């Protein structure tokens, strides 16, 4: 598959990855594969900003709404299924375009290499389940600073999993990404923090109008607090608001702060990858044209 052309688009949250992917797909007979660790779950629609049928503009999208929110879906499972989607798209002489902000998931699909298999440590999980999230993050910072840079410091499930892996292996290993599996144009949307803040604020206003609080309440009733927290970010903050630990006037500022922190962690991951070509939307469209012409 080394000679099969694939385009991948990454960037921080709200930077316009999906709309750019759709624009390229329209022009070059492509289909879009969503690379998002939360959009795989059904019913997480507003909080994850899933693309709507209207926004798709007739372009097929894959890896969205494939599992129920009660289930878990690992990066290894995502890797296997997304690769199958790429092969299917290529078999129909179409262009696979991967777009998303989950760096680990994107790299898992694009590069060869394997993940270490670390089974659950039930004893450790029991020991850590009542430890405050802030304390778990401090432990992770001391034991594996590199992983602490890219993890959600308030996602208890992921923090415990990271510490579980450290317990088994001594650190959270970086996946040896190896070589690109395809002839890949790996694009990164270059955008300033000021523009990201503006886009996050605008998008957040829209998601609140669409019913983010209602979606969170219904999801919480369905899956419970522990599972809801695992979905992170918007859902966790809205839950705190519903519990009246966040005042109404503090809700939007809190969400913006959390999302800006998430964008920073995303860029910390992506900027370490020298294969990514960074640029404005216009430059990336030009790069795509040149790549597909050759």
Protein backbone atom coordinates (compact mmCIF):
# COMPACT_ATOMS: atom_id res chain seq x y z
CA UNK A 1 0.00 0.00 0.00
CA UNK A 2 3.08 2.22 0.00
CA UNK A 3 2.11 3.82 -3.30
CA UNK A 4 -1.53 4.42 -2.32
CA UNK A 5 -2.20 8.13 -1.87
CA UNK A 6 -3.78 9.24 1.40
CA UNK A 7 -4.31 12.72 2.84
CA UNK A 8 -4.39 13.34 6.60
CA UNK A 9 -5.48 16.61 8.20
CA UNK A 10 -4.79 17.54 11.81
CA UNK A 11 -4.85 20.63 13.97
CA UNK A 12 -6.28 21.91 17.23
CA UNK A 13 -9.97 21.80 18.08
CA UNK A 14 -12.19 24.18 16.08
CA UNK A 15 -9.48 24.84 13.47
CA UNK A 16 -11.60 23.66 10.52
CA UNK A 17 -10.22 20.18 9.83
CA UNK A 18 -13.51 18.62 8.74
CA UNK A 19 -14.54 21.45 6.41
CA UNK A 20 -11.11 21.36 4.74
CA UNK A 21 -11.38 17.58 4.32
CA UNK A 22 -14.80 17.96 2.70
CA UNK A 23 -13.53 20.64 0.35
CA UNK A 24 -10.66 18.41 -0.79
CA UNK A 25 -12.97 15.39 -1.06
CA UNK A 26 -15.37 17.29 -3.33
CA UNK A 27 -12.56 18.31 -5.64
CA UNK A 28 -10.69 15.00 -5.81
CA UNK A 29 -13.32 12.27 -5.47
CA UNK A 30 -12.58 11.55 -1.83
CA UNK A 31 -14.21 10.12 1.26
CA UNK A 32 -13.57 11.30 4.81
CA UNK A 33 -12.49 9.17 7.77
CA UNK A 34 -13.09 10.87 11.10
CA UNK A 35 -10.13 10.37 13.44
CA UNK A 36 -11.68 11.33 16.75
CA UNK A 37 -11.65 9.23 19.90
CA UNK A 38 -15.13 10.41 20.93
CA UNK A 39 -17.02 10.68 17.66
CA UNK A 40 -16.99 6.89 17.39
CA UNK A 41 -19.66 6.90 20.12
CA UNK A 42 -23.34 7.20 19.29
CA UNK A 43 -25.35 10.03 20.94
CA UNK A 44 -22.25 12.17 21.67
CA UNK A 45 -23.33 14.53 18.92
CA UNK A 46 -23.29 18.11 20.16
CA UNK A 47 -20.38 17.89 22.59
CA UNK A 48 -18.09 16.31 19.99
CA UNK A 49 -19.28 18.60 17.17
CA UNK A 50 -20.10 15.76 14.80
CA UNK A 51 -20.48 16.80 11.19
CA UNK A 52 -24.12 16.98 10.12
CA UNK A 53 -25.62 15.42 6.99
CA UNK A 54 -25.98 18.89 5.51
CA UNK A 55 -22.35 19.77 6.23
CA UNK A 56 -21.17 16.51 4.63
CA UNK A 57 -22.45 17.83 1.28
CA UNK A 58 -22.88 14.30 -0.02
CA UNK A 59 -19.35 13.21 0.91
CA UNK A 60 -19.31 9.80 2.68
CA UNK A 61 -17.91 9.91 6.23
CA UNK A 62 -16.60 6.93 8.17
CA UNK A 63 -15.74 6.00 11.80
CA UNK A 64 -18.62 8.01 13.25
CA UNK A 65 -21.37 6.50 15.44
CA UNK A 66 -20.00 2.95 15.44
CA UNK A 67 -20.31 1.97 19.13
CA UNK A 68 -22.72 2.62 21.98
CA UNK A 69 -21.55 5.02 24.73
CA UNK A 70 -21.63 2.27 27.36
CA UNK A 71 -18.96 0.36 25.41
CA UNK A 72 -15.25 1.12 25.24
CA UNK A 73 -13.35 1.39 21.98
CA UNK A 74 -9.57 1.20 22.14
CA UNK A 75 -7.00 2.81 19.89
CA UNK A 76 -6.05 -0.67 18.67
CA UNK A 77 -9.65 -1.36 17.62
CA UNK A 78 -9.81 2.03 15.92
CA UNK A 79 -6.54 1.34 14.11
CA UNK A 80 -7.76 -1.97 12.70
CA UNK A 81 -11.14 -0.68 11.57
CA UNK A 82 -9.82 2.57 10.07
CA UNK A 83 -7.22 0.69 8.03
CA UNK A 84 -10.00 -1.50 6.65
CA UNK A 85 -11.90 1.67 5.69
CA UNK A 86 -8.84 3.04 3.89
CA UNK A 87 -8.46 -0.18 1.90
CA UNK A 88 -12.16 -0.15 1.00
CA UNK A 89 -12.02 3.48 -0.19
CA UNK A 90 -8.88 2.80 -2.25
CA UNK A 91 -10.47 -0.32 -3.79
CA UNK A 92 -13.19 1.94 -5.19
CA UNK A 93 -10.57 4.27 -6.70
CA UNK A 94 -11.40 7.05 -4.31
CA UNK A 95 -9.15 9.21 -2.13
CA UNK A 96 -9.10 8.48 1.63
CA UNK A 97 -8.94 11.73 3.63
CA UNK A 98 -8.35 11.34 7.36
CA UNK A 99 -9.32 14.31 9.49
CA UNK A 100 -9.28 14.72 13.25
CA UNK A 101 -7.60 15.95 16.36
CA UNK A 102 -6.79 12.69 18.15
CA UNK A 103 -3.05 12.49 17.52
CA UNK A 104 -2.49 9.01 18.90
CA UNK A 105 -5.32 7.60 16.81
CA UNK A 106 -4.09 9.33 13.64
CA UNK A 107 -0.53 8.06 14.05
CA UNK A 108 -1.80 4.56 14.84
CA UNK A 109 -3.51 4.45 11.46
CA UNK A 110 -0.84 6.11 9.33
CA UNK A 111 2.34 4.42 10.58
CA UNK A 112 3.48 0.86 11.04
CA UNK A 113 4.32 -0.20 14.56
CA UNK A 114 2.62 -1.90 17.47
CA UNK A 115 1.19 -1.01 20.86
CA UNK A 116 2.33 -2.79 24.00
CA UNK A 117 -0.43 -4.91 25.48
CA UNK A 118 -0.91 -4.14 29.17
CA UNK A 119 -3.84 -5.96 30.77
CA UNK A 120 -5.98 -4.22 33.39
CA UNK A 121 -4.51 -4.17 36.90
CA UNK A 122 -7.62 -4.51 39.02
CA UNK A 123 -5.69 -4.23 42.30
CA UNK A 124 -4.11 -0.91 41.26
CA UNK A 125 -7.43 0.39 39.92
CA UNK A 126 -9.05 -0.37 43.27
CA UNK A 127 -6.23 1.45 45.09
CA UNK A 128 -6.51 4.53 42.89
CA UNK A 129 -10.25 4.84 42.38
CA UNK A 130 -10.73 7.20 45.34
CA UNK A 131 -7.53 9.20 44.83
CA UNK A 132 -8.33 12.78 43.72
CA UNK A 133 -7.69 13.54 40.06
CA UNK A 134 -5.25 16.33 40.95
CA UNK A 135 -3.16 13.89 42.97
CA UNK A 136 -3.18 11.31 40.16
CA UNK A 137 -1.93 13.93 37.71
CA UNK A 138 0.91 14.94 40.05
CA UNK A 139 1.96 11.30 40.33
CA UNK A 140 1.96 11.00 36.54
CA UNK A 141 3.96 14.22 36.19
CA UNK A 142 6.64 12.86 38.49
CA UNK A 143 6.76 9.42 36.88
CA UNK A 144 6.33 10.30 33.19
CA UNK A 145 6.47 14.05 32.41
CA UNK A 146 6.21 13.44 28.65
CA UNK A 147 2.86 11.67 28.97
CA UNK A 148 1.64 14.33 31.39
CA UNK A 149 2.11 16.95 28.66
CA UNK A 150 -0.45 15.34 26.36
CA UNK A 151 -3.05 13.84 28.72
CA UNK A 152 -6.25 15.46 29.95
CA UNK A 153 -5.29 16.20 33.58
CA UNK A 154 -8.90 15.87 34.70
CA UNK A 155 -9.77 12.62 32.96
CA UNK A 156 -9.51 10.13 35.81
CA UNK A 157 -9.93 7.04 33.66
CA UNK A 158 -7.04 7.98 31.39
CA UNK A 159 -4.83 9.00 34.29
CA UNK A 160 -5.35 5.67 36.03
CA UNK A 161 -4.71 3.82 32.77
CA UNK A 162 -1.45 5.74 32.28
CA UNK A 163 -0.32 4.87 35.82
CA UNK A 164 -1.36 1.27 35.21
CA UNK A 165 0.93 1.10 32.18
CA UNK A 166 3.78 2.71 34.13
CA UNK A 167 3.32 0.11 36.86
CA UNK A 168 3.76 -2.63 34.24
CA UNK A 169 6.40 -1.10 31.95
CA UNK A 170 8.10 1.67 33.92
CA UNK A 171 6.70 4.42 31.67
CA UNK A 172 3.99 5.00 29.11
CA UNK A 173 5.86 3.93 25.99
CA UNK A 174 5.79 6.06 22.90
CA UNK A 175 4.42 4.05 20.03
CA UNK A 176 7.27 3.40 17.63
CA UNK A 177 5.60 4.95 14.63
CA UNK A 178 8.09 3.57 12.12
CA UNK A 179 7.41 4.26 8.45
CA UNK A 180 4.30 5.69 6.84
CA UNK A 181 2.12 2.90 5.51
CA UNK A 182 0.84 4.93 2.58
CA UNK A 183 1.99 7.68 0.24
CA UNK A 184 0.70 10.25 2.72
CA UNK A 185 0.34 14.01 2.59
CA UNK A 186 0.15 14.86 6.30
CA UNK A 187 -1.29 18.36 6.68
CA UNK A 188 -1.54 20.52 9.78
CA UNK A 189 -3.74 23.62 10.01
CA UNK A 190 -1.58 26.45 11.31
CA UNK A 191 -3.66 28.84 13.40
CA UNK A 192 -2.84 31.34 16.15
CA UNK A 193 -4.02 30.90 19.74
CA UNK A 194 -6.02 34.12 19.39
CA UNK A 195 -7.89 32.73 16.38
CA UNK A 196 -8.41 29.40 18.12
CA UNK A 197 -9.90 31.16 21.15
CA UNK A 198 -12.22 33.12 18.87
CA UNK A 199 -13.33 29.99 17.02
CA UNK A 200 -13.79 28.00 20.24
CA UNK A 201 -15.90 30.79 21.73
CA UNK A 202 -18.09 31.02 18.64
CA UNK A 203 -18.52 27.27 18.33
CA UNK A 204 -19.28 26.93 22.03
CA UNK A 205 -22.07 29.48 21.71
CA UNK A 206 -23.53 27.41 18.87
CA UNK A 207 -23.29 24.11 20.75
CA UNK A 208 -25.01 25.59 23.79
CA UNK A 209 -27.89 26.74 21.57
CA UNK A 210 -28.09 23.25 20.03
CA UNK A 211 -28.65 21.75 23.48
CA UNK A 212 -25.30 20.69 24.97
CA UNK A 213 -26.66 20.82 28.51
CA UNK A 214 -29.66 18.64 27.59
CA UNK A 215 -27.41 16.15 25.77
CA UNK A 216 -25.11 15.93 28.81
CA UNK A 217 -28.03 15.41 31.18
CA UNK A 218 -29.49 12.61 29.04
CA UNK A 219 -26.09 10.97 28.54
CA UNK A 220 -25.45 11.10 32.28
CA UNK A 221 -28.76 9.40 33.00
CA UNK A 222 -27.86 6.68 30.52
CA UNK A 223 -24.21 5.90 31.38
CA UNK A 224 -23.66 7.31 34.90
CA UNK A 225 -21.10 9.76 36.30
CA UNK A 226 -17.98 7.61 35.98
CA UNK A 227 -18.50 6.91 32.30
CA UNK A 228 -19.54 10.50 31.61
CA UNK A 229 -16.29 11.76 33.13
CA UNK A 230 -14.37 9.46 30.80
CA UNK A 231 -15.76 11.41 27.83
CA UNK A 232 -13.98 14.44 29.25
CA UNK A 233 -14.03 18.13 28.53
CA UNK A 234 -17.47 19.54 27.77
CA UNK A 235 -19.39 16.70 29.39
CA UNK A 236 -17.38 16.81 32.61
CA UNK A 237 -17.70 20.58 32.96
CA UNK A 238 -21.43 20.54 32.20
CA UNK A 239 -21.85 17.81 34.82
CA UNK A 240 -20.17 20.08 37.38
CA UNK A 241 -22.58 22.83 36.37
CA UNK A 242 -25.56 20.49 36.79
CA UNK A 243 -24.23 19.61 40.25
CA UNK A 244 -24.06 23.36 41.00
CA UNK A 245 -20.32 23.29 41.69
CA UNK A 246 -19.91 25.78 38.83
CA UNK A 247 -22.01 28.94 38.79
CA UNK A 248 -23.90 29.77 35.60
CA UNK A 249 -21.79 32.88 34.95
CA UNK A 250 -18.61 30.78 35.24
CA UNK A 251 -19.72 27.98 32.90
CA UNK A 252 -18.68 29.45 29.54
CA UNK A 253 -15.32 30.84 30.80
CA UNK A 254 -14.58 27.42 32.34
CA UNK A 255 -15.41 25.61 29.11
CA UNK A 256 -13.27 27.99 27.05
CA UNK A 257 -10.35 27.51 29.43
CA UNK A 258 -10.67 23.71 29.28
CA UNK A 259 -10.88 23.71 25.48
CA UNK A 260 -7.88 26.01 25.15
CA UNK A 261 -5.94 23.60 27.35
CA UNK A 262 -7.03 20.73 25.13
CA UNK A 263 -5.91 22.62 22.01
CA UNK A 264 -2.50 23.15 23.61
CA UNK A 265 -2.12 19.43 24.36
CA UNK A 266 -3.09 18.60 20.79
CA UNK A 267 -0.45 20.91 19.38
CA UNK A 268 2.19 19.54 21.78
CA UNK A 269 1.59 16.14 20.21
CA UNK A 270 1.45 17.27 16.58
CA UNK A 271 4.43 19.63 16.65
CA UNK A 272 6.74 16.72 17.48
CA UNK A 273 5.96 15.11 14.12
CA UNK A 274 8.26 16.33 11.36
CA UNK A 275 6.15 14.66 8.66
CA UNK A 276 3.38 17.23 9.08
CA UNK A 277 3.26 20.10 6.59
CA UNK A 278 1.89 23.18 8.38
CA UNK A 279 0.12 26.05 6.74
CA UNK A 280 -3.00 28.13 6.27
CA UNK A 281 -6.07 26.63 4.67
CA UNK A 282 -5.09 28.15 1.32
CA UNK A 283 -1.57 26.74 1.48
CA UNK A 284 -2.84 23.28 2.40
CA UNK A 285 -5.23 23.29 -0.55
CA UNK A 286 -2.28 24.10 -2.79
CA UNK A 287 -0.25 21.29 -1.20
CA UNK A 288 -3.10 18.88 -1.86
CA UNK A 289 -3.32 19.88 -5.52
CA UNK A 290 0.42 19.44 -6.01
CA UNK A 291 0.45 16.09 -4.18
CA UNK A 292 -2.40 14.63 -6.23
CA UNK A 293 -1.06 15.94 -9.53
CA UNK A 294 2.24 14.11 -9.14
